[in-house]
């Protein structure tokens, strides 16, 4: 994929144009792969372990879901402090609302996933965190929304630095948990969130 600058993405968005979801998927792979922090699995199928009786999702899809990416941390990531286990990523097109992707992330959080049917048949995992990519502004999740992200174990990923350089950032609420810069240098921050239930 040819490099695309943050300015070009901003221009497309403010002109009312959007990219495709396929573009976002390929961009995510291009940004995350060089760091060698994760083994990337695409289009993984899962099963809901619970469902809301007030929705039709279970009856429509028989409880099956498909997430865009599952990231399995490599030894490099684990040795450098990654403690979040496997995580999921749901992509969306640039310039479209994030609401539908967040709704999907909520559904995916309550699934078990078969990430490699051929290599690991009948091996299912749960994902502690689901991230939405891309998020348009790395400082826009504040207040109530940041609290909801933290408690519901949903994060967001911002793909660029403020000057258009590649700088992929994983956030949970306002907490930065992973920063990978243009040279694939990275910093992992371990935070604890989403582990309470009932009264806060």
C-alpha atoms as a PDB file:
ATOM      1  CA  UNK A   1       0.000   0.000   0.000  1.00  0.00           C
ATOM      2  CA  UNK A   2       1.197   3.480  -0.815  1.00  0.00           C
ATOM      3  CA  UNK A   3       1.749   5.725   2.185  1.00  0.00           C
ATOM      4  CA  UNK A   4      -1.048   8.174   2.837  1.00  0.00           C
ATOM      5  CA  UNK A   5      -0.609  11.176   5.081  1.00  0.00           C
ATOM      6  CA  UNK A   6      -2.825  12.299   7.916  1.00  0.00           C
ATOM      7  CA  UNK A   7      -3.485  15.513   5.949  1.00  0.00           C
ATOM      8  CA  UNK A   8      -4.881  13.517   3.017  1.00  0.00           C
ATOM      9  CA  UNK A   9      -7.171  11.567   5.303  1.00  0.00           C
ATOM     10  CA  UNK A  10      -8.378  14.750   7.006  1.00  0.00           C
ATOM     11  CA  UNK A  11      -8.998  16.365   3.605  1.00  0.00           C
ATOM     12  CA  UNK A  12     -11.072  13.401   2.456  1.00  0.00           C
ATOM     13  CA  UNK A  13     -13.119  13.454   5.638  1.00  0.00           C
ATOM     14  CA  UNK A  14     -13.820  17.164   5.662  1.00  0.00           C
ATOM     15  CA  UNK A  15     -14.792  17.079   1.990  1.00  0.00           C
ATOM     16  CA  UNK A  16     -17.490  14.608   2.901  1.00  0.00           C
ATOM     17  CA  UNK A  17     -15.654  11.693   1.306  1.00  0.00           C
ATOM     18  CA  UNK A  18     -14.831   8.447   3.033  1.00  0.00           C
ATOM     19  CA  UNK A  19     -12.466   5.572   2.470  1.00  0.00           C
ATOM     20  CA  UNK A  20     -13.632   1.961   2.357  1.00  0.00           C
ATOM     21  CA  UNK A  21     -13.465  -0.514   5.214  1.00  0.00           C
ATOM     22  CA  UNK A  22     -11.128  -2.652   3.090  1.00  0.00           C
ATOM     23  CA  UNK A  23      -8.750   0.325   2.961  1.00  0.00           C
ATOM     24  CA  UNK A  24      -8.814   0.548   6.762  1.00  0.00           C
ATOM     25  CA  UNK A  25      -8.135  -3.170   7.118  1.00  0.00           C
ATOM     26  CA  UNK A  26      -5.093  -3.037   4.850  1.00  0.00           C
ATOM     27  CA  UNK A  27      -3.824   0.146   6.490  1.00  0.00           C
ATOM     28  CA  UNK A  28      -4.053  -1.503   9.899  1.00  0.00           C
ATOM     29  CA  UNK A  29      -2.021  -4.500   8.694  1.00  0.00           C
ATOM     30  CA  UNK A  30       0.590  -2.212   7.142  1.00  0.00           C
ATOM     31  CA  UNK A  31       0.931  -0.224  10.356  1.00  0.00           C
ATOM     32  CA  UNK A  32       0.991  -3.054  12.898  1.00  0.00           C
ATOM     33  CA  UNK A  33       2.895  -5.818  11.066  1.00  0.00           C
ATOM     34  CA  UNK A  34       6.415  -4.297  11.011  1.00  0.00           C
ATOM     35  CA  UNK A  35       6.546  -4.140  14.824  1.00  0.00           C
ATOM     36  CA  UNK A  36       6.316  -7.968  15.045  1.00  0.00           C
ATOM     37  CA  UNK A  37       4.409  -7.614  18.304  1.00  0.00           C
ATOM     38  CA  UNK A  38       1.423  -9.674  17.158  1.00  0.00           C
ATOM     39  CA  UNK A  39       0.425 -12.607  15.021  1.00  0.00           C
ATOM     40  CA  UNK A  40      -2.494 -11.285  12.990  1.00  0.00           C
ATOM     41  CA  UNK A  41      -5.560 -13.372  12.175  1.00  0.00           C
ATOM     42  CA  UNK A  42      -8.206 -11.955   9.833  1.00  0.00           C
ATOM     43  CA  UNK A  43     -11.944 -12.557   9.665  1.00  0.00           C
ATOM     44  CA  UNK A  44     -12.305 -14.835  12.668  1.00  0.00           C
ATOM     45  CA  UNK A  45     -15.597 -16.457  13.583  1.00  0.00           C
ATOM     46  CA  UNK A  46     -16.969 -16.573  17.092  1.00  0.00           C
ATOM     47  CA  UNK A  47     -20.008 -17.621  19.064  1.00  0.00           C
ATOM     48  CA  UNK A  48     -21.979 -15.496  21.486  1.00  0.00           C
ATOM     49  CA  UNK A  49     -21.895 -16.791  25.041  1.00  0.00           C
ATOM     50  CA  UNK A  50     -24.745 -14.528  26.123  1.00  0.00           C
ATOM     51  CA  UNK A  51     -27.268 -12.311  24.410  1.00  0.00           C
ATOM     52  CA  UNK A  52     -29.697  -9.500  25.079  1.00  0.00           C
ATOM     53  CA  UNK A  53     -33.277 -10.827  24.853  1.00  0.00           C
ATOM     54  CA  UNK A  54     -34.414  -7.420  23.600  1.00  0.00           C
ATOM     55  CA  UNK A  55     -32.347  -7.663  20.397  1.00  0.00           C
ATOM     56  CA  UNK A  56     -32.657  -9.920  17.378  1.00  0.00           C
ATOM     57  CA  UNK A  57     -28.935 -10.559  16.920  1.00  0.00           C
ATOM     58  CA  UNK A  58     -29.054 -14.097  18.266  1.00  0.00           C
ATOM     59  CA  UNK A  59     -32.019 -15.201  16.182  1.00  0.00           C
ATOM     60  CA  UNK A  60     -30.726 -13.536  13.011  1.00  0.00           C
ATOM     61  CA  UNK A  61     -27.197 -14.911  13.113  1.00  0.00           C
ATOM     62  CA  UNK A  62     -27.701 -18.021  15.248  1.00  0.00           C
ATOM     63  CA  UNK A  63     -25.200 -16.591  17.698  1.00  0.00           C
ATOM     64  CA  UNK A  64     -22.280 -16.442  15.233  1.00  0.00           C
ATOM     65  CA  UNK A  65     -20.165 -13.311  14.787  1.00  0.00           C
ATOM     66  CA  UNK A  66     -17.189 -12.383  12.615  1.00  0.00           C
ATOM     67  CA  UNK A  67     -14.485  -9.966  13.821  1.00  0.00           C
ATOM     68  CA  UNK A  68     -12.001  -8.314  11.468  1.00  0.00           C
ATOM     69  CA  UNK A  69      -8.812  -9.112  13.408  1.00  0.00           C
ATOM     70  CA  UNK A  70      -7.558 -11.098  16.348  1.00  0.00           C
ATOM     71  CA  UNK A  71      -4.074 -10.153  17.555  1.00  0.00           C
ATOM     72  CA  UNK A  72      -2.085 -12.825  19.375  1.00  0.00           C
ATOM     73  CA  UNK A  73       0.868 -11.273  21.260  1.00  0.00           C
ATOM     74  CA  UNK A  74       4.257 -12.646  20.279  1.00  0.00           C
ATOM     75  CA  UNK A  75       7.059 -13.467  22.696  1.00  0.00           C
ATOM     76  CA  UNK A  76       8.508 -10.051  21.857  1.00  0.00           C
ATOM     77  CA  UNK A  77       5.336  -8.354  23.091  1.00  0.00           C
ATOM     78  CA  UNK A  78       5.040 -10.512  26.194  1.00  0.00           C
ATOM     79  CA  UNK A  79       8.706 -10.072  27.130  1.00  0.00           C
ATOM     80  CA  UNK A  80       8.264  -6.309  26.888  1.00  0.00           C
ATOM     81  CA  UNK A  81       5.285  -6.153  29.198  1.00  0.00           C
ATOM     82  CA  UNK A  82       2.159  -6.904  27.169  1.00  0.00           C
ATOM     83  CA  UNK A  83      -0.236  -8.414  29.718  1.00  0.00           C
ATOM     84  CA  UNK A  84      -3.571  -8.057  27.931  1.00  0.00           C
ATOM     85  CA  UNK A  85      -3.516 -11.401  26.156  1.00  0.00           C
ATOM     86  CA  UNK A  86      -5.145 -11.750  22.735  1.00  0.00           C
ATOM     87  CA  UNK A  87      -7.231  -8.739  21.678  1.00  0.00           C
ATOM     88  CA  UNK A  88      -9.697  -8.065  18.901  1.00  0.00           C
ATOM     89  CA  UNK A  89      -9.862  -5.204  16.401  1.00  0.00           C
ATOM     90  CA  UNK A  90     -12.938  -4.115  14.468  1.00  0.00           C
ATOM     91  CA  UNK A  91     -12.285  -1.744  11.571  1.00  0.00           C
ATOM     92  CA  UNK A  92     -14.458   0.894   9.993  1.00  0.00           C
ATOM     93  CA  UNK A  93     -14.060   3.259   7.075  1.00  0.00           C
ATOM     94  CA  UNK A  94     -12.474   6.659   7.667  1.00  0.00           C
ATOM     95  CA  UNK A  95     -15.015   9.442   7.877  1.00  0.00           C
ATOM     96  CA  UNK A  96     -17.988   7.372   9.051  1.00  0.00           C
ATOM     97  CA  UNK A  97     -19.606   7.325  12.476  1.00  0.00           C
ATOM     98  CA  UNK A  98     -17.992   5.173  15.147  1.00  0.00           C
ATOM     99  CA  UNK A  99     -21.279   4.177  16.791  1.00  0.00           C
ATOM    100  CA  UNK A 100     -21.944   1.006  14.750  1.00  0.00           C
ATOM    101  CA  UNK A 101     -18.371  -0.243  15.273  1.00  0.00           C
ATOM    102  CA  UNK A 102     -18.684   0.316  19.041  1.00  0.00           C
ATOM    103  CA  UNK A 103     -21.956  -1.617  19.049  1.00  0.00           C
ATOM    104  CA  UNK A 104     -20.226  -4.479  17.270  1.00  0.00           C
ATOM    105  CA  UNK A 105     -17.376  -4.344  19.786  1.00  0.00           C
ATOM    106  CA  UNK A 106     -19.855  -4.735  22.642  1.00  0.00           C
ATOM    107  CA  UNK A 107     -21.285  -7.845  21.006  1.00  0.00           C
ATOM    108  CA  UNK A 108     -17.828  -9.259  20.290  1.00  0.00           C
ATOM    109  CA  UNK A 109     -16.703  -8.851  23.878  1.00  0.00           C
ATOM    110  CA  UNK A 110     -19.158 -11.551  24.891  1.00  0.00           C
ATOM    111  CA  UNK A 111     -18.026 -14.101  22.309  1.00  0.00           C
ATOM    112  CA  UNK A 112     -15.580 -16.965  22.204  1.00  0.00           C
ATOM    113  CA  UNK A 113     -13.444 -17.098  19.067  1.00  0.00           C
ATOM    114  CA  UNK A 114     -11.893 -19.740  16.850  1.00  0.00           C
ATOM    115  CA  UNK A 115      -8.885 -17.861  15.508  1.00  0.00           C
ATOM    116  CA  UNK A 116      -7.182 -20.583  13.462  1.00  0.00           C
ATOM    117  CA  UNK A 117      -9.484 -23.433  12.525  1.00  0.00           C
ATOM    118  CA  UNK A 118      -6.845 -25.358  10.539  1.00  0.00           C
ATOM    119  CA  UNK A 119      -3.929 -25.021  12.957  1.00  0.00           C
ATOM    120  CA  UNK A 120      -5.955 -25.150  16.187  1.00  0.00           C
ATOM    121  CA  UNK A 121      -9.298 -26.856  15.437  1.00  0.00           C
ATOM    122  CA  UNK A 122     -11.913 -26.572  18.165  1.00  0.00           C
ATOM    123  CA  UNK A 123      -9.670 -24.227  20.150  1.00  0.00           C
ATOM    124  CA  UNK A 124     -11.712 -21.255  21.369  1.00  0.00           C
ATOM    125  CA  UNK A 125     -10.547 -18.122  23.166  1.00  0.00           C
ATOM    126  CA  UNK A 126     -12.142 -15.120  24.835  1.00  0.00           C
ATOM    127  CA  UNK A 127     -10.855 -11.615  24.107  1.00  0.00           C
ATOM    128  CA  UNK A 128     -10.483  -9.314  27.097  1.00  0.00           C
ATOM    129  CA  UNK A 129     -10.366  -6.133  24.985  1.00  0.00           C
ATOM    130  CA  UNK A 130     -11.890  -5.147  21.646  1.00  0.00           C
ATOM    131  CA  UNK A 131     -10.491  -2.098  19.820  1.00  0.00           C
ATOM    132  CA  UNK A 132     -12.088   0.053  17.131  1.00  0.00           C
ATOM    133  CA  UNK A 133      -9.855   1.220  14.250  1.00  0.00           C
ATOM    134  CA  UNK A 134      -9.452   3.918  13.104  1.00  0.00           C
ATOM    135  CA  UNK A 135     -10.396   6.589  15.586  1.00  0.00           C
ATOM    136  CA  UNK A 136     -10.234  10.079  14.131  1.00  0.00           C
ATOM    137  CA  UNK A 137      -8.780  11.916  17.113  1.00  0.00           C
ATOM    138  CA  UNK A 138      -6.554  10.452  19.806  1.00  0.00           C
ATOM    139  CA  UNK A 139      -7.815  12.983  22.365  1.00  0.00           C
ATOM    140  CA  UNK A 140     -11.551  12.884  21.601  1.00  0.00           C
ATOM    141  CA  UNK A 141     -12.633  10.101  23.993  1.00  0.00           C
ATOM    142  CA  UNK A 142     -13.164  11.961  27.259  1.00  0.00           C
ATOM    143  CA  UNK A 143     -15.539  12.073  30.192  1.00  0.00           C
ATOM    144  CA  UNK A 144     -18.414   9.604  30.153  1.00  0.00           C
ATOM    145  CA  UNK A 145     -17.277   7.944  26.914  1.00  0.00           C
ATOM    146  CA  UNK A 146     -13.821   7.305  28.329  1.00  0.00           C
ATOM    147  CA  UNK A 147     -15.360   5.777  31.446  1.00  0.00           C
ATOM    148  CA  UNK A 148     -17.616   3.541  29.354  1.00  0.00           C
ATOM    149  CA  UNK A 149     -14.652   2.343  27.296  1.00  0.00           C
ATOM    150  CA  UNK A 150     -12.706   1.485  30.425  1.00  0.00           C
ATOM    151  CA  UNK A 151     -15.550  -0.356  32.131  1.00  0.00           C
ATOM    152  CA  UNK A 152     -16.719  -2.199  29.013  1.00  0.00           C
ATOM    153  CA  UNK A 153     -13.179  -3.177  27.930  1.00  0.00           C
ATOM    154  CA  UNK A 154     -13.467  -1.430  24.575  1.00  0.00           C
ATOM    155  CA  UNK A 155     -10.598   0.632  23.201  1.00  0.00           C
ATOM    156  CA  UNK A 156      -9.785   2.702  20.142  1.00  0.00           C
ATOM    157  CA  UNK A 157      -6.769   2.996  17.868  1.00  0.00           C
ATOM    158  CA  UNK A 158      -5.452   6.213  16.359  1.00  0.00           C
ATOM    159  CA  UNK A 159      -3.231   5.621  13.306  1.00  0.00           C
ATOM    160  CA  UNK A 160      -1.141   8.775  12.882  1.00  0.00           C
ATOM    161  CA  UNK A 161       0.869  11.367  14.727  1.00  0.00           C
ATOM    162  CA  UNK A 162      -0.188  14.986  14.701  1.00  0.00           C
ATOM    163  CA  UNK A 163       2.139  15.809  11.803  1.00  0.00           C
ATOM    164  CA  UNK A 164       1.107  12.973   9.498  1.00  0.00           C
ATOM    165  CA  UNK A 165       3.807  10.524  10.549  1.00  0.00           C
ATOM    166  CA  UNK A 166       2.943   6.890  11.235  1.00  0.00           C
ATOM    167  CA  UNK A 167       2.366   6.577  14.962  1.00  0.00           C
ATOM    168  CA  UNK A 168      -0.187   3.949  15.899  1.00  0.00           C
ATOM    169  CA  UNK A 169      -1.652   4.327  19.379  1.00  0.00           C
ATOM    170  CA  UNK A 170      -3.886   1.928  21.317  1.00  0.00           C
ATOM    171  CA  UNK A 171      -6.104   3.567  23.943  1.00  0.00           C
ATOM    172  CA  UNK A 172      -8.545   2.319  26.549  1.00  0.00           C
ATOM    173  CA  UNK A 173     -10.537   5.392  27.454  1.00  0.00           C
ATOM    174  CA  UNK A 174      -7.909   8.107  27.954  1.00  0.00           C
ATOM    175  CA  UNK A 175      -5.194   5.617  28.867  1.00  0.00           C
ATOM    176  CA  UNK A 176      -2.524   4.961  26.265  1.00  0.00           C
ATOM    177  CA  UNK A 177      -1.523   1.289  26.434  1.00  0.00           C
ATOM    178  CA  UNK A 178       0.607   0.899  23.297  1.00  0.00           C
ATOM    179  CA  UNK A 179       2.485   3.402  21.159  1.00  0.00           C
ATOM    180  CA  UNK A 180       4.387   2.317  18.032  1.00  0.00           C
ATOM    181  CA  UNK A 181       6.270   5.095  16.266  1.00  0.00           C
ATOM    182  CA  UNK A 182       7.374   5.513  12.657  1.00  0.00           C
ATOM    183  CA  UNK A 183      10.586   3.533  13.316  1.00  0.00           C
ATOM    184  CA  UNK A 184       8.684   0.705  15.026  1.00  0.00           C
ATOM    185  CA  UNK A 185       9.981   1.661  18.443  1.00  0.00           C
ATOM    186  CA  UNK A 186       7.256   0.914  20.950  1.00  0.00           C
ATOM    187  CA  UNK A 187       6.184   1.527  24.526  1.00  0.00           C
ATOM    188  CA  UNK A 188       3.700  -0.700  26.364  1.00  0.00           C
ATOM    189  CA  UNK A 189       1.786   0.642  29.358  1.00  0.00           C
ATOM    190  CA  UNK A 190      -0.100  -1.785  31.566  1.00  0.00           C
ATOM    191  CA  UNK A 191      -3.321  -0.508  33.088  1.00  0.00           C
ATOM    192  CA  UNK A 192      -6.100  -2.253  34.970  1.00  0.00           C
ATOM    193  CA  UNK A 193      -9.672  -1.521  33.933  1.00  0.00           C
ATOM    194  CA  UNK A 194     -12.952  -3.289  33.266  1.00  0.00           C
ATOM    195  CA  UNK A 195     -12.522  -5.756  36.111  1.00  0.00           C
ATOM    196  CA  UNK A 196     -15.263  -4.489  38.447  1.00  0.00           C
ATOM    197  CA  UNK A 197     -18.891  -5.553  38.502  1.00  0.00           C
ATOM    198  CA  UNK A 198     -21.958  -4.268  40.261  1.00  0.00           C
ATOM    199  CA  UNK A 199     -21.691  -1.154  42.417  1.00  0.00           C
ATOM    200  CA  UNK A 200     -18.678   1.076  41.667  1.00  0.00           C
END
